[in-house]
C-alpha atoms as a PDB file:
ATOM      1  CA  UNK A   1       0.000   0.000   0.000  1.00  0.00           C
ATOM      2  CA  UNK A   2       2.880   2.352   0.819  1.00  0.00           C
ATOM      3  CA  UNK A   3       4.451   1.647  -2.578  1.00  0.00           C
ATOM      4  CA  UNK A   4       1.204   2.639  -4.286  1.00  0.00           C
ATOM      5  CA  UNK A   5       1.068   5.879  -2.291  1.00  0.00           C
ATOM      6  CA  UNK A   6       4.677   6.683  -3.158  1.00  0.00           C
ATOM      7  CA  UNK A   7       4.042   6.080  -6.852  1.00  0.00           C
ATOM      8  CA  UNK A   8       0.915   8.262  -6.789  1.00  0.00           C
ATOM      9  CA  UNK A   9       2.807  11.023  -5.018  1.00  0.00           C
ATOM     10  CA  UNK A  10       5.600  10.816  -7.580  1.00  0.00           C
ATOM     11  CA  UNK A  11       3.164  11.161 -10.453  1.00  0.00           C
ATOM     12  CA  UNK A  12       1.448  14.097  -8.728  1.00  0.00           C
ATOM     13  CA  UNK A  13       4.766  15.865  -8.101  1.00  0.00           C
ATOM     14  CA  UNK A  14       5.993  15.357 -11.685  1.00  0.00           C
ATOM     15  CA  UNK A  15       2.663  16.671 -12.982  1.00  0.00           C
ATOM     16  CA  UNK A  16       2.983  19.806 -10.838  1.00  0.00           C
ATOM     17  CA  UNK A  17       6.535  20.407 -12.081  1.00  0.00           C
ATOM     18  CA  UNK A  18       5.423  19.946 -15.708  1.00  0.00           C
ATOM     19  CA  UNK A  19       2.498  22.333 -15.231  1.00  0.00           C
ATOM     20  CA  UNK A  20       4.820  24.984 -13.783  1.00  0.00           C
ATOM     21  CA  UNK A  21       6.957  24.843 -16.930  1.00  0.00           C
ATOM     22  CA  UNK A  22       4.017  25.610 -19.242  1.00  0.00           C
ATOM     23  CA  UNK A  23       3.733  29.187 -20.482  1.00  0.00           C
ATOM     24  CA  UNK A  24      -0.032  29.722 -20.438  1.00  0.00           C
ATOM     25  CA  UNK A  25       0.352  32.940 -22.443  1.00  0.00           C
ATOM     26  CA  UNK A  26       2.166  31.292 -25.330  1.00  0.00           C
ATOM     27  CA  UNK A  27       0.065  30.584 -28.390  1.00  0.00           C
ATOM     28  CA  UNK A  28      -0.060  26.848 -29.171  1.00  0.00           C
ATOM     29  CA  UNK A  29       1.789  25.809 -32.299  1.00  0.00           C
ATOM     30  CA  UNK A  30      -0.513  24.914 -35.183  1.00  0.00           C
ATOM     31  CA  UNK A  31      -0.772  21.273 -36.093  1.00  0.00           C
ATOM     32  CA  UNK A  32      -0.371  19.882 -39.597  1.00  0.00           C
ATOM     33  CA  UNK A  33      -2.776  21.203 -42.213  1.00  0.00           C
ATOM     34  CA  UNK A  34      -5.580  18.663 -42.615  1.00  0.00           C
ATOM     35  CA  UNK A  35      -6.197  17.192 -46.036  1.00  0.00           C
ATOM     36  CA  UNK A  36      -9.482  18.414 -47.500  1.00  0.00           C
ATOM     37  CA  UNK A  37     -10.999  16.219 -50.155  1.00  0.00           C
ATOM     38  CA  UNK A  38     -14.087  17.709 -51.770  1.00  0.00           C
ATOM     39  CA  UNK A  39     -15.883  15.022 -53.713  1.00  0.00           C
ATOM     40  CA  UNK A  40     -17.217  15.871 -57.146  1.00  0.00           C
ATOM     41  CA  UNK A  41     -21.001  15.379 -57.135  1.00  0.00           C
ATOM     42  CA  UNK A  42     -22.862  13.159 -59.543  1.00  0.00           C
ATOM     43  CA  UNK A  43     -25.433  15.337 -61.285  1.00  0.00           C
ATOM     44  CA  UNK A  44     -28.500  14.902 -63.433  1.00  0.00           C
ATOM     45  CA  UNK A  45     -31.551  16.941 -64.364  1.00  0.00           C
ATOM     46  CA  UNK A  46     -35.256  16.159 -64.482  1.00  0.00           C
ATOM     47  CA  UNK A  47     -37.525  17.172 -67.355  1.00  0.00           C
ATOM     48  CA  UNK A  48     -39.153  19.822 -65.165  1.00  0.00           C
ATOM     49  CA  UNK A  49     -35.811  21.600 -64.733  1.00  0.00           C
ATOM     50  CA  UNK A  50     -34.867  20.362 -61.251  1.00  0.00           C
ATOM     51  CA  UNK A  51     -31.095  19.812 -61.001  1.00  0.00           C
ATOM     52  CA  UNK A  52     -29.945  17.062 -58.635  1.00  0.00           C
ATOM     53  CA  UNK A  53     -26.445  16.816 -57.154  1.00  0.00           C
ATOM     54  CA  UNK A  54     -25.483  13.649 -55.250  1.00  0.00           C
ATOM     55  CA  UNK A  55     -22.337  13.147 -53.173  1.00  0.00           C
ATOM     56  CA  UNK A  56     -21.822   9.584 -51.942  1.00  0.00           C
ATOM     57  CA  UNK A  57     -20.150   9.434 -48.521  1.00  0.00           C
ATOM     58  CA  UNK A  58     -20.647   6.251 -46.517  1.00  0.00           C
ATOM     59  CA  UNK A  59     -18.369   7.233 -43.636  1.00  0.00           C
ATOM     60  CA  UNK A  60     -21.416   7.688 -41.379  1.00  0.00           C
ATOM     61  CA  UNK A  61     -24.951   6.258 -41.757  1.00  0.00           C
ATOM     62  CA  UNK A  62     -26.660   9.593 -42.296  1.00  0.00           C
ATOM     63  CA  UNK A  63     -27.961  11.741 -45.142  1.00  0.00           C
ATOM     64  CA  UNK A  64     -28.405  15.474 -45.591  1.00  0.00           C
ATOM     65  CA  UNK A  65     -30.907  16.792 -48.144  1.00  0.00           C
ATOM     66  CA  UNK A  66     -31.087  20.434 -49.238  1.00  0.00           C
ATOM     67  CA  UNK A  67     -33.531  21.925 -51.732  1.00  0.00           C
ATOM     68  CA  UNK A  68     -32.710  25.434 -52.964  1.00  0.00           C
ATOM     69  CA  UNK A  69     -34.906  27.629 -55.153  1.00  0.00           C
ATOM     70  CA  UNK A  70     -32.361  29.730 -57.031  1.00  0.00           C
ATOM     71  CA  UNK A  71     -34.168  32.979 -57.812  1.00  0.00           C
ATOM     72  CA  UNK A  72     -33.830  36.678 -56.961  1.00  0.00           C
ATOM     73  CA  UNK A  73     -35.577  38.095 -53.909  1.00  0.00           C
ATOM     74  CA  UNK A  74     -39.241  38.795 -54.646  1.00  0.00           C
ATOM     75  CA  UNK A  75     -40.796  42.216 -54.051  1.00  0.00           C
ATOM     76  CA  UNK A  76     -44.086  41.429 -52.284  1.00  0.00           C
ATOM     77  CA  UNK A  77     -45.488  44.960 -52.085  1.00  0.00           C
ATOM     78  CA  UNK A  78     -48.611  45.458 -49.975  1.00  0.00           C
ATOM     79  CA  UNK A  79     -48.697  41.768 -48.999  1.00  0.00           C
ATOM     80  CA  UNK A  80     -45.169  41.567 -47.585  1.00  0.00           C
ATOM     81  CA  UNK A  81     -44.863  38.282 -45.743  1.00  0.00           C
ATOM     82  CA  UNK A  82     -46.796  36.170 -48.244  1.00  0.00           C
ATOM     83  CA  UNK A  83     -43.682  34.089 -48.969  1.00  0.00           C
ATOM     84  CA  UNK A  84     -43.232  33.428 -45.261  1.00  0.00           C
ATOM     85  CA  UNK A  85     -46.886  32.427 -44.897  1.00  0.00           C
ATOM     86  CA  UNK A  86     -46.600  30.147 -47.934  1.00  0.00           C
ATOM     87  CA  UNK A  87     -43.525  28.408 -46.510  1.00  0.00           C
ATOM     88  CA  UNK A  88     -45.305  27.921 -43.189  1.00  0.00           C
ATOM     89  CA  UNK A  89     -47.958  25.884 -45.003  1.00  0.00           C
ATOM     90  CA  UNK A  90     -45.463  23.359 -46.351  1.00  0.00           C
ATOM     91  CA  UNK A  91     -45.417  20.403 -44.011  1.00  0.00           C
ATOM     92  CA  UNK A  92     -48.864  21.328 -42.670  1.00  0.00           C
ATOM     93  CA  UNK A  93     -50.369  18.399 -44.494  1.00  0.00           C
ATOM     94  CA  UNK A  94     -50.510  17.445 -48.166  1.00  0.00           C
ATOM     95  CA  UNK A  95     -53.165  16.284 -50.588  1.00  0.00           C
ATOM     96  CA  UNK A  96     -52.208  12.753 -49.486  1.00  0.00           C
ATOM     97  CA  UNK A  97     -51.554  13.175 -45.751  1.00  0.00           C
ATOM     98  CA  UNK A  98     -53.179  15.233 -43.013  1.00  0.00           C
ATOM     99  CA  UNK A  99     -50.990  17.526 -40.916  1.00  0.00           C
ATOM    100  CA  UNK A 100     -51.140  15.054 -38.022  1.00  0.00           C
ATOM    101  CA  UNK A 101     -50.193  12.087 -40.228  1.00  0.00           C
ATOM    102  CA  UNK A 102     -47.322  13.987 -41.843  1.00  0.00           C
ATOM    103  CA  UNK A 103     -45.832  15.130 -38.534  1.00  0.00           C
ATOM    104  CA  UNK A 104     -46.295  11.688 -36.996  1.00  0.00           C
ATOM    105  CA  UNK A 105     -44.261  10.098 -39.796  1.00  0.00           C
ATOM    106  CA  UNK A 106     -41.416  12.599 -39.359  1.00  0.00           C
ATOM    107  CA  UNK A 107     -41.373  12.080 -35.586  1.00  0.00           C
ATOM    108  CA  UNK A 108     -41.411   8.295 -35.957  1.00  0.00           C
ATOM    109  CA  UNK A 109     -38.371   8.431 -38.258  1.00  0.00           C
ATOM    110  CA  UNK A 110     -36.523  10.758 -35.880  1.00  0.00           C
ATOM    111  CA  UNK A 111     -35.736  13.032 -38.812  1.00  0.00           C
ATOM    112  CA  UNK A 112     -35.436  16.802 -39.106  1.00  0.00           C
ATOM    113  CA  UNK A 113     -37.375  18.476 -41.922  1.00  0.00           C
ATOM    114  CA  UNK A 114     -37.879  22.209 -42.445  1.00  0.00           C
ATOM    115  CA  UNK A 115     -39.188  24.536 -45.153  1.00  0.00           C
ATOM    116  CA  UNK A 116     -38.646  28.140 -46.209  1.00  0.00           C
ATOM    117  CA  UNK A 117     -39.745  30.319 -49.104  1.00  0.00           C
ATOM    118  CA  UNK A 118     -36.402  29.512 -50.741  1.00  0.00           C
ATOM    119  CA  UNK A 119     -36.328  25.738 -50.305  1.00  0.00           C
ATOM    120  CA  UNK A 120     -36.276  22.929 -47.772  1.00  0.00           C
ATOM    121  CA  UNK A 121     -33.815  20.916 -45.722  1.00  0.00           C
ATOM    122  CA  UNK A 122     -33.666  17.542 -43.984  1.00  0.00           C
ATOM    123  CA  UNK A 123     -31.324  15.364 -41.928  1.00  0.00           C
ATOM    124  CA  UNK A 124     -31.909  11.672 -41.361  1.00  0.00           C
ATOM    125  CA  UNK A 125     -30.310   8.293 -40.813  1.00  0.00           C
ATOM    126  CA  UNK A 126     -29.513   6.633 -44.124  1.00  0.00           C
ATOM    127  CA  UNK A 127     -31.886   3.731 -43.474  1.00  0.00           C
ATOM    128  CA  UNK A 128     -34.777   6.222 -43.455  1.00  0.00           C
ATOM    129  CA  UNK A 129     -33.537   8.463 -46.279  1.00  0.00           C
ATOM    130  CA  UNK A 130     -35.947   7.062 -48.873  1.00  0.00           C
ATOM    131  CA  UNK A 131     -38.936   7.818 -46.655  1.00  0.00           C
ATOM    132  CA  UNK A 132     -37.703  11.294 -45.718  1.00  0.00           C
ATOM    133  CA  UNK A 133     -37.018  12.272 -49.338  1.00  0.00           C
ATOM    134  CA  UNK A 134     -40.503  11.043 -50.234  1.00  0.00           C
ATOM    135  CA  UNK A 135     -42.048  13.112 -47.429  1.00  0.00           C
ATOM    136  CA  UNK A 136     -40.133  16.220 -48.486  1.00  0.00           C
ATOM    137  CA  UNK A 137     -41.272  15.730 -52.070  1.00  0.00           C
ATOM    138  CA  UNK A 138     -44.882  15.196 -50.985  1.00  0.00           C
ATOM    139  CA  UNK A 139     -44.846  18.472 -49.027  1.00  0.00           C
ATOM    140  CA  UNK A 140     -43.219  20.408 -51.873  1.00  0.00           C
ATOM    141  CA  UNK A 141     -45.132  18.906 -54.798  1.00  0.00           C
ATOM    142  CA  UNK A 142     -48.546  18.344 -53.173  1.00  0.00           C
ATOM    143  CA  UNK A 143     -49.075  21.098 -50.577  1.00  0.00           C
ATOM    144  CA  UNK A 144     -52.530  21.372 -49.084  1.00  0.00           C
ATOM    145  CA  UNK A 145     -53.230  25.078 -48.749  1.00  0.00           C
ATOM    146  CA  UNK A 146     -56.316  25.858 -46.690  1.00  0.00           C
ATOM    147  CA  UNK A 147     -57.888  29.103 -45.488  1.00  0.00           C
ATOM    148  CA  UNK A 148     -57.879  27.757 -41.927  1.00  0.00           C
ATOM    149  CA  UNK A 149     -54.131  27.039 -41.847  1.00  0.00           C
ATOM    150  CA  UNK A 150     -53.311  30.321 -43.604  1.00  0.00           C
ATOM    151  CA  UNK A 151     -55.305  32.161 -40.940  1.00  0.00           C
ATOM    152  CA  UNK A 152     -53.374  30.353 -38.186  1.00  0.00           C
ATOM    153  CA  UNK A 153     -50.057  31.223 -39.827  1.00  0.00           C
ATOM    154  CA  UNK A 154     -51.075  34.874 -40.013  1.00  0.00           C
ATOM    155  CA  UNK A 155     -51.956  34.879 -36.316  1.00  0.00           C
ATOM    156  CA  UNK A 156     -48.595  33.337 -35.386  1.00  0.00           C
ATOM    157  CA  UNK A 157     -46.726  35.826 -37.563  1.00  0.00           C
ATOM    158  CA  UNK A 158     -48.531  38.830 -36.075  1.00  0.00           C
ATOM    159  CA  UNK A 159     -47.864  37.528 -32.572  1.00  0.00           C
ATOM    160  CA  UNK A 160     -44.188  37.253 -33.460  1.00  0.00           C
ATOM    161  CA  UNK A 161     -44.163  40.818 -34.774  1.00  0.00           C
ATOM    162  CA  UNK A 162     -45.633  42.095 -31.516  1.00  0.00           C
ATOM    163  CA  UNK A 163     -42.940  40.399 -29.453  1.00  0.00           C
ATOM    164  CA  UNK A 164     -40.263  42.072 -31.608  1.00  0.00           C
ATOM    165  CA  UNK A 165     -41.749  45.560 -31.904  1.00  0.00           C
ATOM    166  CA  UNK A 166     -39.603  46.822 -28.988  1.00  0.00           C
ATOM    167  CA  UNK A 167     -36.567  44.736 -29.932  1.00  0.00           C
ATOM    168  CA  UNK A 168     -33.766  47.174 -30.749  1.00  0.00           C
ATOM    169  CA  UNK A 169     -31.892  44.570 -32.786  1.00  0.00           C
ATOM    170  CA  UNK A 170     -34.894  43.812 -34.986  1.00  0.00           C
ATOM    171  CA  UNK A 171     -35.637  47.509 -35.454  1.00  0.00           C
ATOM    172  CA  UNK A 172     -32.015  48.161 -36.425  1.00  0.00           C
ATOM    173  CA  UNK A 173     -32.073  45.332 -38.972  1.00  0.00           C
ATOM    174  CA  UNK A 174     -35.230  46.638 -40.630  1.00  0.00           C
ATOM    175  CA  UNK A 175     -34.055  50.245 -40.747  1.00  0.00           C
ATOM    176  CA  UNK A 176     -30.634  49.191 -42.034  1.00  0.00           C
ATOM    177  CA  UNK A 177     -32.152  47.217 -44.929  1.00  0.00           C
ATOM    178  CA  UNK A 178     -34.666  49.949 -45.785  1.00  0.00           C
ATOM    179  CA  UNK A 179     -31.960  52.624 -45.877  1.00  0.00           C
ATOM    180  CA  UNK A 180     -29.422  50.482 -47.709  1.00  0.00           C
ATOM    181  CA  UNK A 181     -31.672  49.030 -50.406  1.00  0.00           C
ATOM    182  CA  UNK A 182     -34.726  51.315 -50.342  1.00  0.00           C
ATOM    183  CA  UNK A 183     -37.984  50.459 -48.576  1.00  0.00           C
ATOM    184  CA  UNK A 184     -39.787  49.808 -51.876  1.00  0.00           C
ATOM    185  CA  UNK A 185     -37.479  46.986 -52.918  1.00  0.00           C
ATOM    186  CA  UNK A 186     -37.421  43.248 -52.248  1.00  0.00           C
ATOM    187  CA  UNK A 187     -34.511  43.612 -49.827  1.00  0.00           C
ATOM    188  CA  UNK A 188     -35.670  46.811 -48.153  1.00  0.00           C
ATOM    189  CA  UNK A 189     -39.357  46.099 -47.543  1.00  0.00           C
ATOM    190  CA  UNK A 190     -40.425  44.553 -44.246  1.00  0.00           C
ATOM    191  CA  UNK A 191     -43.393  42.724 -42.795  1.00  0.00           C
ATOM    192  CA  UNK A 192     -46.049  44.642 -40.853  1.00  0.00           C
ATOM    193  CA  UNK A 193     -49.287  43.633 -39.168  1.00  0.00           C
ATOM    194  CA  UNK A 194     -51.199  45.452 -41.910  1.00  0.00           C
ATOM    195  CA  UNK A 195     -49.407  43.597 -44.731  1.00  0.00           C
ATOM    196  CA  UNK A 196     -50.023  40.227 -43.058  1.00  0.00           C
ATOM    197  CA  UNK A 197     -53.723  40.985 -42.591  1.00  0.00           C
ATOM    198  CA  UNK A 198     -54.063  41.668 -46.335  1.00  0.00           C
ATOM    199  CA  UNK A 199     -52.826  38.197 -47.305  1.00  0.00           C
ATOM    200  CA  UNK A 200     -55.502  35.811 -48.543  1.00  0.00           C
ATOM    201  CA  UNK A 201     -55.443  32.116 -49.463  1.00  0.00           C
ATOM    202  CA  UNK A 202     -55.242  32.936 -53.189  1.00  0.00           C
ATOM    203  CA  UNK A 203     -52.162  35.112 -52.620  1.00  0.00           C
ATOM    204  CA  UNK A 204     -50.419  32.159 -50.982  1.00  0.00           C
ATOM    205  CA  UNK A 205     -51.413  29.787 -53.789  1.00  0.00           C
ATOM    206  CA  UNK A 206     -50.300  32.271 -56.457  1.00  0.00           C
ATOM    207  CA  UNK A 207     -46.914  32.788 -54.790  1.00  0.00           C
ATOM    208  CA  UNK A 208     -46.348  29.034 -54.682  1.00  0.00           C
ATOM    209  CA  UNK A 209     -47.286  28.494 -58.339  1.00  0.00           C
ATOM    210  CA  UNK A 210     -45.211  31.400 -59.598  1.00  0.00           C
ATOM    211  CA  UNK A 211     -42.101  31.304 -57.443  1.00  0.00           C
ATOM    212  CA  UNK A 212     -41.818  27.890 -55.730  1.00  0.00           C
ATOM    213  CA  UNK A 213     -41.036  25.743 -58.749  1.00  0.00           C
ATOM    214  CA  UNK A 214     -38.393  23.329 -60.073  1.00  0.00           C
ATOM    215  CA  UNK A 215     -37.423  25.427 -63.111  1.00  0.00           C
ATOM    216  CA  UNK A 216     -34.298  26.795 -61.430  1.00  0.00           C
ATOM    217  CA  UNK A 217     -34.114  24.670 -58.283  1.00  0.00           C
ATOM    218  CA  UNK A 218     -31.343  22.432 -56.960  1.00  0.00           C
ATOM    219  CA  UNK A 219     -31.697  19.288 -54.858  1.00  0.00           C
ATOM    220  CA  UNK A 220     -28.439  18.367 -53.115  1.00  0.00           C
ATOM    221  CA  UNK A 221     -28.174  14.984 -51.389  1.00  0.00           C
ATOM    222  CA  UNK A 222     -25.031  14.114 -49.428  1.00  0.00           C
ATOM    223  CA  UNK A 223     -24.332  11.003 -47.394  1.00  0.00           C
ATOM    224  CA  UNK A 224     -24.649   7.251 -47.278  1.00  0.00           C
ATOM    225  CA  UNK A 225     -26.593   6.819 -50.532  1.00  0.00           C
ATOM    226  CA  UNK A 226     -26.256   5.301 -54.000  1.00  0.00           C
ATOM    227  CA  UNK A 227     -26.685   7.672 -56.944  1.00  0.00           C
ATOM    228  CA  UNK A 228     -28.479   5.054 -59.037  1.00  0.00           C
ATOM    229  CA  UNK A 229     -31.071   4.519 -56.303  1.00  0.00           C
ATOM    230  CA  UNK A 230     -31.454   8.252 -55.654  1.00  0.00           C
ATOM    231  CA  UNK A 231     -32.049   8.923 -59.342  1.00  0.00           C
ATOM    232  CA  UNK A 232     -34.958   6.477 -59.502  1.00  0.00           C
ATOM    233  CA  UNK A 233     -36.443   7.824 -56.271  1.00  0.00           C
ATOM    234  CA  UNK A 234     -36.145  11.508 -57.212  1.00  0.00           C
ATOM    235  CA  UNK A 235     -37.592  10.949 -60.687  1.00  0.00           C
ATOM    236  CA  UNK A 236     -40.558   9.231 -59.085  1.00  0.00           C
ATOM    237  CA  UNK A 237     -41.157  11.709 -56.246  1.00  0.00           C
ATOM    238  CA  UNK A 238     -40.127  15.078 -57.751  1.00  0.00           C
ATOM    239  CA  UNK A 239     -40.887  14.346 -61.412  1.00  0.00           C
ATOM    240  CA  UNK A 240     -44.503  15.525 -61.065  1.00  0.00           C
ATOM    241  CA  UNK A 241     -43.494  18.928 -59.691  1.00  0.00           C
ATOM    242  CA  UNK A 242     -44.856  21.431 -62.217  1.00  0.00           C
ATOM    243  CA  UNK A 243     -42.721  24.103 -63.849  1.00  0.00           C
ATOM    244  CA  UNK A 244     -43.836  27.704 -63.390  1.00  0.00           C
ATOM    245  CA  UNK A 245     -42.301  29.221 -66.500  1.00  0.00           C
ATOM    246  CA  UNK A 246     -41.649  32.417 -64.540  1.00  0.00           C
ATOM    247  CA  UNK A 247     -38.940  34.569 -66.110  1.00  0.00           C
ATOM    248  CA  UNK A 248     -36.791  36.745 -63.885  1.00  0.00           C
ATOM    249  CA  UNK A 249     -35.193  39.933 -65.110  1.00  0.00           C
ATOM    250  CA  UNK A 250     -31.461  40.352 -64.650  1.00  0.00           C
ATOM    251  CA  UNK A 251     -30.732  41.710 -61.193  1.00  0.00           C
ATOM    252  CA  UNK A 252     -29.277  45.199 -61.270  1.00  0.00           C
ATOM    253  CA  UNK A 253     -26.558  45.587 -58.626  1.00  0.00           C
ATOM    254  CA  UNK A 254     -27.580  47.832 -55.732  1.00  0.00           C
ATOM    255  CA  UNK A 255     -25.591  51.037 -55.481  1.00  0.00           C
ATOM    256  CA  UNK A 256     -24.200  52.457 -52.277  1.00  0.00           C
ATOM    257  CA  UNK A 257     -25.563  55.727 -50.937  1.00  0.00           C
ATOM    258  CA  UNK A 258     -23.835  58.796 -52.419  1.00  0.00           C
ATOM    259  CA  UNK A 259     -22.623  59.865 -48.970  1.00  0.00           C
ATOM    260  CA  UNK A 260     -22.265  58.374 -45.506  1.00  0.00           C
ATOM    261  CA  UNK A 261     -25.468  58.644 -43.479  1.00  0.00           C
ATOM    262  CA  UNK A 262     -25.974  58.436 -39.729  1.00  0.00           C
ATOM    263  CA  UNK A 263     -29.504  57.455 -38.723  1.00  0.00           C
ATOM    264  CA  UNK A 264     -30.796  57.254 -35.156  1.00  0.00           C
ATOM    265  CA  UNK A 265     -33.965  55.510 -33.960  1.00  0.00           C
ATOM    266  CA  UNK A 266     -35.087  56.434 -30.454  1.00  0.00           C
ATOM    267  CA  UNK A 267     -36.527  53.418 -28.606  1.00  0.00           C
ATOM    268  CA  UNK A 268     -37.112  54.620 -25.010  1.00  0.00           C
ATOM    269  CA  UNK A 269     -38.043  51.151 -23.707  1.00  0.00           C
ATOM    270  CA  UNK A 270     -34.977  49.384 -25.152  1.00  0.00           C
ATOM    271  CA  UNK A 271     -32.602  47.929 -22.556  1.00  0.00           C
ATOM    272  CA  UNK A 272     -29.716  47.848 -25.024  1.00  0.00           C
ATOM    273  CA  UNK A 273     -28.414  49.969 -27.881  1.00  0.00           C
ATOM    274  CA  UNK A 274     -27.590  48.496 -31.263  1.00  0.00           C
ATOM    275  CA  UNK A 275     -25.047  49.984 -33.656  1.00  0.00           C
ATOM    276  CA  UNK A 276     -25.000  48.713 -37.250  1.00  0.00           C
ATOM    277  CA  UNK A 277     -22.738  49.787 -40.070  1.00  0.00           C
ATOM    278  CA  UNK A 278     -23.903  48.695 -43.507  1.00  0.00           C
ATOM    279  CA  UNK A 279     -22.273  48.800 -46.914  1.00  0.00           C
ATOM    280  CA  UNK A 280     -22.979  47.246 -50.308  1.00  0.00           C
ATOM    281  CA  UNK A 281     -20.281  44.839 -51.443  1.00  0.00           C
ATOM    282  CA  UNK A 282     -19.468  43.589 -54.931  1.00  0.00           C
ATOM    283  CA  UNK A 283     -17.562  40.520 -53.738  1.00  0.00           C
ATOM    284  CA  UNK A 284     -18.965  37.216 -54.992  1.00  0.00           C
ATOM    285  CA  UNK A 285     -17.769  33.627 -54.729  1.00  0.00           C
ATOM    286  CA  UNK A 286     -16.413  33.670 -58.291  1.00  0.00           C
ATOM    287  CA  UNK A 287     -14.183  36.667 -57.480  1.00  0.00           C
ATOM    288  CA  UNK A 288     -10.424  35.842 -57.266  1.00  0.00           C
ATOM    289  CA  UNK A 289     -10.326  37.747 -53.954  1.00  0.00           C
ATOM    290  CA  UNK A 290     -13.199  35.783 -52.414  1.00  0.00           C
ATOM    291  CA  UNK A 291     -11.127  33.653 -50.031  1.00  0.00           C
ATOM    292  CA  UNK A 292      -8.905  36.588 -49.085  1.00  0.00           C
ATOM    293  CA  UNK A 293     -12.030  38.567 -48.204  1.00  0.00           C
ATOM    294  CA  UNK A 294     -13.469  35.742 -46.116  1.00  0.00           C
ATOM    295  CA  UNK A 295     -10.227  35.381 -44.141  1.00  0.00           C
ATOM    296  CA  UNK A 296      -9.902  39.151 -43.665  1.00  0.00           C
ATOM    297  CA  UNK A 297     -13.445  39.353 -42.317  1.00  0.00           C
ATOM    298  CA  UNK A 298     -12.795  36.444 -39.949  1.00  0.00           C
ATOM    299  CA  UNK A 299      -9.773  38.271 -38.535  1.00  0.00           C
ATOM    300  CA  UNK A 300     -11.728  41.510 -38.187  1.00  0.00           C
ATOM    301  CA  UNK A 301     -14.986  40.295 -36.694  1.00  0.00           C
ATOM    302  CA  UNK A 302     -15.579  36.612 -37.309  1.00  0.00           C
ATOM    303  CA  UNK A 303     -15.884  35.528 -33.668  1.00  0.00           C
ATOM    304  CA  UNK A 304     -14.822  35.909 -30.057  1.00  0.00           C
ATOM    305  CA  UNK A 305     -11.106  35.908 -30.954  1.00  0.00           C
ATOM    306  CA  UNK A 306     -11.455  38.530 -33.697  1.00  0.00           C
ATOM    307  CA  UNK A 307     -10.195  42.090 -33.388  1.00  0.00           C
ATOM    308  CA  UNK A 308     -13.551  43.834 -32.972  1.00  0.00           C
ATOM    309  CA  UNK A 309     -14.570  41.549 -30.115  1.00  0.00           C
ATOM    310  CA  UNK A 310     -11.194  41.638 -28.392  1.00  0.00           C
ATOM    311  CA  UNK A 311     -10.967  45.427 -28.605  1.00  0.00           C
ATOM    312  CA  UNK A 312     -14.514  46.566 -27.856  1.00  0.00           C
ATOM    313  CA  UNK A 313     -15.415  43.892 -25.303  1.00  0.00           C
ATOM    314  CA  UNK A 314     -12.313  42.311 -23.812  1.00  0.00           C
ATOM    315  CA  UNK A 315     -10.059  45.363 -23.749  1.00  0.00           C
ATOM    316  CA  UNK A 316     -12.511  48.236 -23.242  1.00  0.00           C
ATOM    317  CA  UNK A 317     -15.721  46.599 -21.995  1.00  0.00           C
ATOM    318  CA  UNK A 318     -17.900  48.790 -24.222  1.00  0.00           C
ATOM    319  CA  UNK A 319     -20.242  46.050 -25.419  1.00  0.00           C
ATOM    320  CA  UNK A 320     -21.350  42.454 -24.954  1.00  0.00           C
ATOM    321  CA  UNK A 321     -20.094  41.615 -28.412  1.00  0.00           C
ATOM    322  CA  UNK A 322     -18.955  43.095 -31.717  1.00  0.00           C
ATOM    323  CA  UNK A 323     -18.832  41.220 -34.999  1.00  0.00           C
ATOM    324  CA  UNK A 324     -18.636  41.754 -38.744  1.00  0.00           C
ATOM    325  CA  UNK A 325     -20.257  39.844 -41.574  1.00  0.00           C
ATOM    326  CA  UNK A 326     -19.276  39.610 -45.215  1.00  0.00           C
ATOM    327  CA  UNK A 327     -22.103  38.283 -47.362  1.00  0.00           C
ATOM    328  CA  UNK A 328     -21.266  37.054 -50.844  1.00  0.00           C
ATOM    329  CA  UNK A 329     -24.854  36.303 -51.769  1.00  0.00           C
ATOM    330  CA  UNK A 330     -25.503  35.998 -55.483  1.00  0.00           C
ATOM    331  CA  UNK A 331     -28.249  38.610 -55.212  1.00  0.00           C
ATOM    332  CA  UNK A 332     -27.268  40.799 -52.233  1.00  0.00           C
ATOM    333  CA  UNK A 333     -23.547  40.883 -51.409  1.00  0.00           C
ATOM    334  CA  UNK A 334     -22.914  43.180 -48.444  1.00  0.00           C
ATOM    335  CA  UNK A 335     -20.685  43.972 -45.488  1.00  0.00           C
ATOM    336  CA  UNK A 336     -22.108  44.736 -42.023  1.00  0.00           C
END
């Protein structure tokens, strides 16, 4: 027993000596650069225009599915929010399944499935991927729009607006977009209670038919799958999705304001102040300087170790956090 105690004491002492020799202020040396192998996707296209990209990766028994509607932002005018209401209907039942049946199937499979006005996304175990892809397709191709569900979505949206009406961050975001892009544009307009109340069932149906279509959509499937099997499944499930034929005009790049503006919104009940600096960027992913820009932004304000955060919070204690964002969106590149 004494020998064991002596050995334990020796280990403890050597550990203390080793710890004392460590310079906790020294930056750790970087390890070797990891090898990054980006697989080339297998691609094919359906007759309705839907492009499918499949990356086979059987390292883990899971599958990720992403549907993206590649179109410019839509100006919704006096019914701003109709796209959001439309997206909220997807997954609320189909012409084949009730809302309860649809949700029960997703829960039983333990999958994640979500929808937006610009697409859909899902994560699942590979053994359930066929069923999840079929459910996503059913929701997208056969949505069951009803006046009752549209009314419920409107109520939820208005309730959400009321909870944010005193939120300084939300107010700053809206004002920033309106000033940067113009309030009568797709990027500058914002949802109000009045615009939501104007939305009717037909508006939702029209938005879906015109803008939620396979003509310029991409379905990306990555994970433990076989391309040959996916092709048969997708042709069966998404092949009936109808084209819209909607033509989009070329997007004119937004111009920066002619001079720097400082705008102040007084919110007496706000417990915090928000400061936003916005600027239109021309940087896109195809630009030779894209990666340099991404790295530069990460150094400036990409996280808790970036310069903005370390200066304004850690050094001076002026704020809870300070960050920067460089968007290289195809339709709205910007820096904030």
